[in-house]
mmCIF file of all heavy atoms, coordinates in Angstrom:
data_MODEL
# 
_entry.id   MODEL 
# 
loop_
_atom_site.group_PDB 
_atom_site.id 
_atom_site.type_symbol 
_atom_site.label_atom_id 
_atom_site.label_alt_id 
_atom_site.label_comp_id 
_atom_site.label_asym_id 
_atom_site.label_entity_id 
_atom_site.label_seq_id 
_atom_site.pdbx_PDB_ins_code 
_atom_site.Cartn_x 
_atom_site.Cartn_y 
_atom_site.Cartn_z 
_atom_site.occupancy 
_atom_site.B_iso_or_equiv 
_atom_site.pdbx_formal_charge 
_atom_site.auth_seq_id 
_atom_site.auth_comp_id 
_atom_site.auth_asym_id 
_atom_site.auth_atom_id 
_atom_site.pdbx_PDB_model_num 
ATOM 1   N N   . PRO A 1 1  ? 3.898  -23.249 -9.346  1.00 0.00 ? 1  PRO A N   1 
ATOM 2   C CA  . PRO A 1 1  ? 2.650  -22.849 -9.994  1.00 0.00 ? 1  PRO A CA  1 
ATOM 3   C C   . PRO A 1 1  ? 2.134  -21.527 -9.418  1.00 0.00 ? 1  PRO A C   1 
ATOM 4   O O   . PRO A 1 1  ? 2.112  -21.331 -8.203  1.00 0.00 ? 1  PRO A O   1 
ATOM 5   C CB  . PRO A 1 1  ? 1.694  -23.999 -9.663  1.00 0.00 ? 1  PRO A CB  1 
ATOM 6   C CG  . PRO A 1 1  ? 2.589  -25.176 -9.408  1.00 0.00 ? 1  PRO A CG  1 
ATOM 7   C CD  . PRO A 1 1  ? 3.811  -24.600 -8.766  1.00 0.00 ? 1  PRO A CD  1 
ATOM 8   N N   . ALA A 1 2  ? 1.738  -20.617 -10.290 1.00 0.00 ? 2  ALA A N   1 
ATOM 9   C CA  . ALA A 1 2  ? 1.246  -19.307 -9.860  1.00 0.00 ? 2  ALA A CA  1 
ATOM 10  C C   . ALA A 1 2  ? 0.358  -18.720 -10.944 1.00 0.00 ? 2  ALA A C   1 
ATOM 11  O O   . ALA A 1 2  ? 0.460  -19.089 -12.113 1.00 0.00 ? 2  ALA A O   1 
ATOM 12  C CB  . ALA A 1 2  ? 2.410  -18.364 -9.567  1.00 0.00 ? 2  ALA A CB  1 
ATOM 13  N N   . LYS A 1 3  ? -0.515 -17.803 -10.542 1.00 0.00 ? 3  LYS A N   1 
ATOM 14  C CA  . LYS A 1 3  ? -1.411 -17.127 -11.471 1.00 0.00 ? 3  LYS A CA  1 
ATOM 15  C C   . LYS A 1 3  ? -1.070 -15.642 -11.516 1.00 0.00 ? 3  LYS A C   1 
ATOM 16  O O   . LYS A 1 3  ? -0.685 -15.055 -10.504 1.00 0.00 ? 3  LYS A O   1 
ATOM 17  C CB  . LYS A 1 3  ? -2.874 -17.309 -11.032 1.00 0.00 ? 3  LYS A CB  1 
ATOM 18  C CG  . LYS A 1 3  ? -3.350 -18.756 -11.086 1.00 0.00 ? 3  LYS A CG  1 
ATOM 19  C CD  . LYS A 1 3  ? -4.805 -18.871 -10.649 1.00 0.00 ? 3  LYS A CD  1 
ATOM 20  C CE  . LYS A 1 3  ? -5.286 -20.308 -10.723 1.00 0.00 ? 3  LYS A CE  1 
ATOM 21  N NZ  . LYS A 1 3  ? -6.707 -20.446 -10.290 1.00 0.00 ? 3  LYS A NZ  1 
ATOM 22  N N   . PRO A 1 4  ? -1.237 -15.004 -12.673 1.00 0.00 ? 4  PRO A N   1 
ATOM 23  C CA  . PRO A 1 4  ? -0.952 -13.575 -12.770 1.00 0.00 ? 4  PRO A CA  1 
ATOM 24  C C   . PRO A 1 4  ? -1.774 -12.781 -11.757 1.00 0.00 ? 4  PRO A C   1 
ATOM 25  O O   . PRO A 1 4  ? -2.928 -13.111 -11.473 1.00 0.00 ? 4  PRO A O   1 
ATOM 26  C CB  . PRO A 1 4  ? -1.363 -13.224 -14.207 1.00 0.00 ? 4  PRO A CB  1 
ATOM 27  C CG  . PRO A 1 4  ? -1.306 -14.519 -14.952 1.00 0.00 ? 4  PRO A CG  1 
ATOM 28  C CD  . PRO A 1 4  ? -1.692 -15.581 -13.961 1.00 0.00 ? 4  PRO A CD  1 
ATOM 29  N N   . ALA A 1 5  ? -1.173 -11.736 -11.204 1.00 0.00 ? 5  ALA A N   1 
ATOM 30  C CA  . ALA A 1 5  ? -1.868 -10.909 -10.217 1.00 0.00 ? 5  ALA A CA  1 
ATOM 31  C C   . ALA A 1 5  ? -1.360 -9.476  -10.324 1.00 0.00 ? 5  ALA A C   1 
ATOM 32  O O   . ALA A 1 5  ? -0.154 -9.239  -10.382 1.00 0.00 ? 5  ALA A O   1 
ATOM 33  C CB  . ALA A 1 5  ? -1.644 -11.451 -8.807  1.00 0.00 ? 5  ALA A CB  1 
ATOM 34  N N   . GLN A 1 6  ? -2.310 -8.535  -10.375 1.00 0.00 ? 6  GLN A N   1 
ATOM 35  C CA  . GLN A 1 6  ? -1.956 -7.124  -10.480 1.00 0.00 ? 6  GLN A CA  1 
ATOM 36  C C   . GLN A 1 6  ? -2.743 -6.313  -9.457  1.00 0.00 ? 6  GLN A C   1 
ATOM 37  O O   . GLN A 1 6  ? -3.954 -6.494  -9.313  1.00 0.00 ? 6  GLN A O   1 
ATOM 38  C CB  . GLN A 1 6  ? -2.256 -6.566  -11.885 1.00 0.00 ? 6  GLN A CB  1 
ATOM 39  C CG  . GLN A 1 6  ? -1.430 -7.182  -13.004 1.00 0.00 ? 6  GLN A CG  1 
ATOM 40  C CD  . GLN A 1 6  ? -2.054 -8.439  -13.566 1.00 0.00 ? 6  GLN A CD  1 
ATOM 41  O OE1 . GLN A 1 6  ? -3.275 -8.543  -13.640 1.00 0.00 ? 6  GLN A OE1 1 
ATOM 42  N NE2 . GLN A 1 6  ? -1.231 -9.394  -13.974 1.00 0.00 ? 6  GLN A NE2 1 
ATOM 43  N N   . THR A 1 7  ? -2.037 -5.437  -8.753  1.00 0.00 ? 7  THR A N   1 
ATOM 44  C CA  . THR A 1 7  ? -2.642 -4.530  -7.784  1.00 0.00 ? 7  THR A CA  1 
ATOM 45  C C   . THR A 1 7  ? -2.059 -3.137  -7.972  1.00 0.00 ? 7  THR A C   1 
ATOM 46  O O   . THR A 1 7  ? -0.839 -2.984  -8.078  1.00 0.00 ? 7  THR A O   1 
ATOM 47  C CB  . THR A 1 7  ? -2.367 -4.981  -6.334  1.00 0.00 ? 7  THR A CB  1 
ATOM 48  O OG1 . THR A 1 7  ? -2.766 -6.341  -6.159  1.00 0.00 ? 7  THR A OG1 1 
ATOM 49  C CG2 . THR A 1 7  ? -3.116 -4.111  -5.333  1.00 0.00 ? 7  THR A CG2 1 
ATOM 50  N N   . ARG A 1 8  ? -2.929 -2.130  -8.002  1.00 0.00 ? 8  ARG A N   1 
ATOM 51  C CA  . ARG A 1 8  ? -2.477 -0.739  -8.034  1.00 0.00 ? 8  ARG A CA  1 
ATOM 52  C C   . ARG A 1 8  ? -2.534 -0.207  -6.602  1.00 0.00 ? 8  ARG A C   1 
ATOM 53  O O   . ARG A 1 8  ? -3.575 -0.270  -5.948  1.00 0.00 ? 8  ARG A O   1 
ATOM 54  C CB  . ARG A 1 8  ? -3.383 0.090   -8.945  1.00 0.00 ? 8  ARG A CB  1 
ATOM 55  C CG  . ARG A 1 8  ? -3.042 1.584   -9.025  1.00 0.00 ? 8  ARG A CG  1 
ATOM 56  C CD  . ARG A 1 8  ? -4.101 2.299   -9.856  1.00 0.00 ? 8  ARG A CD  1 
ATOM 57  N NE  . ARG A 1 8  ? -3.860 3.732   -9.933  1.00 0.00 ? 8  ARG A NE  1 
ATOM 58  C CZ  . ARG A 1 8  ? -3.172 4.339   -10.898 1.00 0.00 ? 8  ARG A CZ  1 
ATOM 59  N NH1 . ARG A 1 8  ? -2.649 3.612   -11.880 1.00 0.00 ? 8  ARG A NH1 1 
ATOM 60  N NH2 . ARG A 1 8  ? -3.010 5.648   -10.915 1.00 0.00 ? 8  ARG A NH2 1 
ATOM 61  N N   . VAL A 1 9  ? -1.413 0.308   -6.115  1.00 0.00 ? 9  VAL A N   1 
ATOM 62  C CA  . VAL A 1 9  ? -1.328 0.810   -4.745  1.00 0.00 ? 9  VAL A CA  1 
ATOM 63  C C   . VAL A 1 9  ? -1.058 2.311   -4.796  1.00 0.00 ? 9  VAL A C   1 
ATOM 64  O O   . VAL A 1 9  ? -0.111 2.760   -5.451  1.00 0.00 ? 9  VAL A O   1 
ATOM 65  C CB  . VAL A 1 9  ? -0.225 0.103   -3.940  1.00 0.00 ? 9  VAL A CB  1 
ATOM 66  C CG1 . VAL A 1 9  ? -0.235 0.568   -2.490  1.00 0.00 ? 9  VAL A CG1 1 
ATOM 67  C CG2 . VAL A 1 9  ? -0.396 -1.417  -4.011  1.00 0.00 ? 9  VAL A CG2 1 
ATOM 68  N N   . GLU A 1 10 ? -1.894 3.094   -4.083  1.00 0.00 ? 10 GLU A N   1 
ATOM 69  C CA  . GLU A 1 10 ? -1.758 4.551   -4.066  1.00 0.00 ? 10 GLU A CA  1 
ATOM 70  C C   . GLU A 1 10 ? -1.591 5.031   -2.631  1.00 0.00 ? 10 GLU A C   1 
ATOM 71  O O   . GLU A 1 10 ? -2.383 4.675   -1.756  1.00 0.00 ? 10 GLU A O   1 
ATOM 72  C CB  . GLU A 1 10 ? -3.000 5.209   -4.677  1.00 0.00 ? 10 GLU A CB  1 
ATOM 73  C CG  . GLU A 1 10 ? -3.286 4.766   -6.107  1.00 0.00 ? 10 GLU A CG  1 
ATOM 74  C CD  . GLU A 1 10 ? -4.569 5.375   -6.651  1.00 0.00 ? 10 GLU A CD  1 
ATOM 75  O OE1 . GLU A 1 10 ? -5.196 6.166   -5.907  1.00 0.00 ? 10 GLU A OE1 1 
ATOM 76  O OE2 . GLU A 1 10 ? -4.938 5.067   -7.793  1.00 0.00 ? 10 GLU A OE2 1 
ATOM 77  N N   . LEU A 1 11 ? -0.583 5.852   -2.401  1.00 0.00 ? 11 LEU A N   1 
ATOM 78  C CA  . LEU A 1 11 ? -0.381 6.425   -1.073  1.00 0.00 ? 11 LEU A CA  1 
ATOM 79  C C   . LEU A 1 11 ? -1.463 7.455   -0.784  1.00 0.00 ? 11 LEU A C   1 
ATOM 80  O O   . LEU A 1 11 ? -1.751 8.328   -1.602  1.00 0.00 ? 11 LEU A O   1 
ATOM 81  C CB  . LEU A 1 11 ? 0.990  7.099   -0.997  1.00 0.00 ? 11 LEU A CB  1 
ATOM 82  C CG  . LEU A 1 11 ? 1.251  7.882   0.300   1.00 0.00 ? 11 LEU A CG  1 
ATOM 83  C CD1 . LEU A 1 11 ? 1.330  6.940   1.493   1.00 0.00 ? 11 LEU A CD1 1 
ATOM 84  C CD2 . LEU A 1 11 ? 2.516  8.715   0.165   1.00 0.00 ? 11 LEU A CD2 1 
ATOM 85  N N   . LEU A 1 12 ? -2.078 7.364   0.407   1.00 0.00 ? 12 LEU A N   1 
ATOM 86  C CA  . LEU A 1 12 ? -3.013 8.372   0.877   1.00 0.00 ? 12 LEU A CA  1 
ATOM 87  C C   . LEU A 1 12 ? -2.382 9.257   1.943   1.00 0.00 ? 12 LEU A C   1 
ATOM 88  O O   . LEU A 1 12 ? -2.582 10.462  1.956   1.00 0.00 ? 12 LEU A O   1 
ATOM 89  C CB  . LEU A 1 12 ? -4.277 7.706   1.427   1.00 0.00 ? 12 LEU A CB  1 
ATOM 90  C CG  . LEU A 1 12 ? -5.078 6.878   0.413   1.00 0.00 ? 12 LEU A CG  1 
ATOM 91  C CD1 . LEU A 1 12 ? -6.257 6.217   1.104   1.00 0.00 ? 12 LEU A CD1 1 
ATOM 92  C CD2 . LEU A 1 12 ? -5.551 7.745   -0.744  1.00 0.00 ? 12 LEU A CD2 1 
ATOM 93  N N   . ALA A 1 13 ? -1.606 8.647   2.845   1.00 0.00 ? 13 ALA A N   1 
ATOM 94  C CA  . ALA A 1 13 ? -0.956 9.447   3.896   1.00 0.00 ? 13 ALA A CA  1 
ATOM 95  C C   . ALA A 1 13 ? 0.093  8.597   4.598   1.00 0.00 ? 13 ALA A C   1 
ATOM 96  O O   . ALA A 1 13 ? -0.058 7.378   4.720   1.00 0.00 ? 13 ALA A O   1 
ATOM 97  C CB  . ALA A 1 13 ? -1.987 9.949   4.906   1.00 0.00 ? 13 ALA A CB  1 
ATOM 98  N N   . ASN A 1 14 ? 1.155  9.257   5.057   1.00 0.00 ? 14 ASN A N   1 
ATOM 99  C CA  . ASN A 1 14 ? 2.127  8.618   5.938   1.00 0.00 ? 14 ASN A CA  1 
ATOM 100 C C   . ASN A 1 14 ? 1.782  8.950   7.382   1.00 0.00 ? 14 ASN A C   1 
ATOM 101 O O   . ASN A 1 14 ? 1.117  9.950   7.673   1.00 0.00 ? 14 ASN A O   1 
ATOM 102 C CB  . ASN A 1 14 ? 3.547  9.101   5.630   1.00 0.00 ? 14 ASN A CB  1 
ATOM 103 C CG  . ASN A 1 14 ? 4.212  8.290   4.536   1.00 0.00 ? 14 ASN A CG  1 
ATOM 104 O OD1 . ASN A 1 14 ? 4.124  7.059   4.531   1.00 0.00 ? 14 ASN A OD1 1 
ATOM 105 N ND2 . ASN A 1 14 ? 4.865  8.971   3.598   1.00 0.00 ? 14 ASN A ND2 1 
ATOM 106 N N   . GLY A 1 15 ? 2.200  8.083   8.301   1.00 0.00 ? 15 GLY A N   1 
ATOM 107 C CA  . GLY A 1 15 ? 1.906  8.302   9.703   1.00 0.00 ? 15 GLY A CA  1 
ATOM 108 C C   . GLY A 1 15 ? 2.548  9.571   10.234  1.00 0.00 ? 15 GLY A C   1 
ATOM 109 O O   . GLY A 1 15 ? 3.630  9.970   9.794   1.00 0.00 ? 15 GLY A O   1 
ATOM 110 N N   . ALA A 1 16 ? 1.869  10.203  11.189  1.00 0.00 ? 16 ALA A N   1 
ATOM 111 C CA  . ALA A 1 16 ? 2.390  11.433  11.776  1.00 0.00 ? 16 ALA A CA  1 
ATOM 112 C C   . ALA A 1 16 ? 3.629  11.151  12.620  1.00 0.00 ? 16 ALA A C   1 
ATOM 113 O O   . ALA A 1 16 ? 4.641  11.833  12.509  1.00 0.00 ? 16 ALA A O   1 
ATOM 114 C CB  . ALA A 1 16 ? 1.309  12.104  12.615  1.00 0.00 ? 16 ALA A CB  1 
ATOM 115 N N   . ASP A 1 17 ? 3.533  10.141  13.491  1.00 0.00 ? 17 ASP A N   1 
ATOM 116 C CA  . ASP A 1 17 ? 4.669  9.810   14.351  1.00 0.00 ? 17 ASP A CA  1 
ATOM 117 C C   . ASP A 1 17 ? 4.871  8.306   14.472  1.00 0.00 ? 17 ASP A C   1 
ATOM 118 O O   . ASP A 1 17 ? 5.598  7.841   15.335  1.00 0.00 ? 17 ASP A O   1 
ATOM 119 C CB  . ASP A 1 17 ? 4.494  10.436  15.733  1.00 0.00 ? 17 ASP A CB  1 
ATOM 120 C CG  . ASP A 1 17 ? 3.169  10.047  16.390  1.00 0.00 ? 17 ASP A CG  1 
ATOM 121 O OD1 . ASP A 1 17 ? 2.470  9.195   15.825  1.00 0.00 ? 17 ASP A OD1 1 
ATOM 122 O OD2 . ASP A 1 17 ? 2.854  10.603  17.459  1.00 0.00 ? 17 ASP A OD2 1 
ATOM 123 N N   . GLN A 1 18 ? 4.211  7.530   13.630  1.00 0.00 ? 18 GLN A N   1 
ATOM 124 C CA  . GLN A 1 18 ? 4.391  6.079   13.617  1.00 0.00 ? 18 GLN A CA  1 
ATOM 125 C C   . GLN A 1 18 ? 4.880  5.647   12.239  1.00 0.00 ? 18 GLN A C   1 
ATOM 126 O O   . GLN A 1 18 ? 4.600  6.309   11.239  1.00 0.00 ? 18 GLN A O   1 
ATOM 127 C CB  . GLN A 1 18 ? 3.074  5.368   13.943  1.00 0.00 ? 18 GLN A CB  1 
ATOM 128 C CG  . GLN A 1 18 ? 2.524  5.681   15.332  1.00 0.00 ? 18 GLN A CG  1 
ATOM 129 C CD  . GLN A 1 18 ? 1.274  4.881   15.626  1.00 0.00 ? 18 GLN A CD  1 
ATOM 130 O OE1 . GLN A 1 18 ? 1.242  3.665   15.466  1.00 0.00 ? 18 GLN A OE1 1 
ATOM 131 N NE2 . GLN A 1 18 ? 0.217  5.570   16.061  1.00 0.00 ? 18 GLN A NE2 1 
ATOM 132 N N   . ASP A 1 19 ? 5.602  4.558   12.206  1.00 0.00 ? 19 ASP A N   1 
ATOM 133 C CA  . ASP A 1 19 ? 6.189  4.069   10.951  1.00 0.00 ? 19 ASP A CA  1 
ATOM 134 C C   . ASP A 1 19 ? 5.147  3.276   10.173  1.00 0.00 ? 19 ASP A C   1 
ATOM 135 O O   . ASP A 1 19 ? 5.275  2.064   9.965   1.00 0.00 ? 19 ASP A O   1 
ATOM 136 C CB  . ASP A 1 19 ? 7.418  3.207   11.280  1.00 0.00 ? 19 ASP A CB  1 
ATOM 137 C CG  . ASP A 1 19 ? 8.329  3.043   10.072  1.00 0.00 ? 19 ASP A CG  1 
ATOM 138 O OD1 . ASP A 1 19 ? 8.228  3.868   9.145   1.00 0.00 ? 19 ASP A OD1 1 
ATOM 139 O OD2 . ASP A 1 19 ? 9.120  2.093   10.054  1.00 0.00 ? 19 ASP A OD2 1 
ATOM 140 N N   . LEU A 1 20 ? 4.083  3.982   9.749   1.00 0.00 ? 20 LEU A N   1 
ATOM 141 C CA  . LEU A 1 20 ? 2.954  3.364   9.065   1.00 0.00 ? 20 LEU A CA  1 
ATOM 142 C C   . LEU A 1 20 ? 2.539  4.241   7.895   1.00 0.00 ? 20 LEU A C   1 
ATOM 143 O O   . LEU A 1 20 ? 2.902  5.425   7.814   1.00 0.00 ? 20 LEU A O   1 
ATOM 144 C CB  . LEU A 1 20 ? 1.758  3.208   10.018  1.00 0.00 ? 20 LEU A CB  1 
ATOM 145 C CG  . LEU A 1 20 ? 1.933  2.329   11.256  1.00 0.00 ? 20 LEU A CG  1 
ATOM 146 C CD1 . LEU A 1 20 ? 0.783  2.574   12.232  1.00 0.00 ? 20 LEU A CD1 1 
ATOM 147 C CD2 . LEU A 1 20 ? 1.988  0.853   10.854  1.00 0.00 ? 20 LEU A CD2 1 
ATOM 148 N N   . CYS A 1 21 ? 1.748  3.666   6.993   1.00 0.00 ? 21 CYS A N   1 
ATOM 149 C CA  . CYS A 1 21 ? 1.176  4.442   5.902   1.00 0.00 ? 21 CYS A CA  1 
ATOM 150 C C   . CYS A 1 21 ? -0.238 3.947   5.620   1.00 0.00 ? 21 CYS A C   1 
ATOM 151 O O   . CYS A 1 21 ? -0.575 2.803   5.905   1.00 0.00 ? 21 CYS A O   1 
ATOM 152 C CB  . CYS A 1 21 ? 2.036  4.361   4.638   1.00 0.00 ? 21 CYS A CB  1 
ATOM 153 S SG  . CYS A 1 21 ? 2.268  2.693   3.964   1.00 0.00 ? 21 CYS A SG  1 
ATOM 154 N N   . LEU A 1 22 ? -1.033 4.848   5.079   1.00 0.00 ? 22 LEU A N   1 
ATOM 155 C CA  . LEU A 1 22 ? -2.397 4.525   4.666   1.00 0.00 ? 22 LEU A CA  1 
ATOM 156 C C   . LEU A 1 22 ? -2.407 4.500   3.146   1.00 0.00 ? 22 LEU A C   1 
ATOM 157 O O   . LEU A 1 22 ? -1.958 5.451   2.502   1.00 0.00 ? 22 LEU A O   1 
ATOM 158 C CB  . LEU A 1 22 ? -3.385 5.574   5.179   1.00 0.00 ? 22 LEU A CB  1 
ATOM 159 C CG  . LEU A 1 22 ? -4.856 5.399   4.750   1.00 0.00 ? 22 LEU A CG  1 
ATOM 160 C CD1 . LEU A 1 22 ? -5.456 4.157   5.397   1.00 0.00 ? 22 LEU A CD1 1 
ATOM 161 C CD2 . LEU A 1 22 ? -5.659 6.646   5.142   1.00 0.00 ? 22 LEU A CD2 1 
ATOM 162 N N   . VAL A 1 23 ? -2.902 3.406   2.567   1.00 0.00 ? 23 VAL A N   1 
ATOM 163 C CA  . VAL A 1 23 ? -2.901 3.270   1.112   1.00 0.00 ? 23 VAL A CA  1 
ATOM 164 C C   . VAL A 1 23 ? -4.273 2.853   0.618   1.00 0.00 ? 23 VAL A C   1 
ATOM 165 O O   . VAL A 1 23 ? -5.099 2.320   1.362   1.00 0.00 ? 23 VAL A O   1 
ATOM 166 C CB  . VAL A 1 23 ? -1.848 2.236   0.633   1.00 0.00 ? 23 VAL A CB  1 
ATOM 167 C CG1 . VAL A 1 23 ? -0.439 2.686   0.989   1.00 0.00 ? 23 VAL A CG1 1 
ATOM 168 C CG2 . VAL A 1 23 ? -2.135 0.847   1.212   1.00 0.00 ? 23 VAL A CG2 1 
ATOM 169 N N   . ARG A 1 24 ? -4.483 3.129   -0.665  1.00 0.00 ? 24 ARG A N   1 
ATOM 170 C CA  . ARG A 1 24 ? -5.657 2.642   -1.361  1.00 0.00 ? 24 ARG A CA  1 
ATOM 171 C C   . ARG A 1 24 ? -5.175 1.592   -2.353  1.00 0.00 ? 24 ARG A C   1 
ATOM 172 O O   . ARG A 1 24 ? -4.216 1.810   -3.097  1.00 0.00 ? 24 ARG A O   1 
ATOM 173 C CB  . ARG A 1 24 ? -6.354 3.794   -2.095  1.00 0.00 ? 24 ARG A CB  1 
ATOM 174 C CG  . ARG A 1 24 ? -7.416 3.322   -3.082  1.00 0.00 ? 24 ARG A CG  1 
ATOM 175 C CD  . ARG A 1 24 ? -8.313 4.443   -3.575  1.00 0.00 ? 24 ARG A CD  1 
ATOM 176 N NE  . ARG A 1 24 ? -7.604 5.537   -4.210  1.00 0.00 ? 24 ARG A NE  1 
ATOM 177 C CZ  . ARG A 1 24 ? -8.226 6.639   -4.657  1.00 0.00 ? 24 ARG A CZ  1 
ATOM 178 N NH1 . ARG A 1 24 ? -9.523 6.769   -4.527  1.00 0.00 ? 24 ARG A NH1 1 
ATOM 179 N NH2 . ARG A 1 24 ? -7.533 7.609   -5.220  1.00 0.00 ? 24 ARG A NH2 1 
# 
């Protein structure tokens, strides 16, 4: 059982020296 789900993900920035990203 599951319900529909939608998310829009936008990149804001990638990390300078870490394997991370900032998203909206």
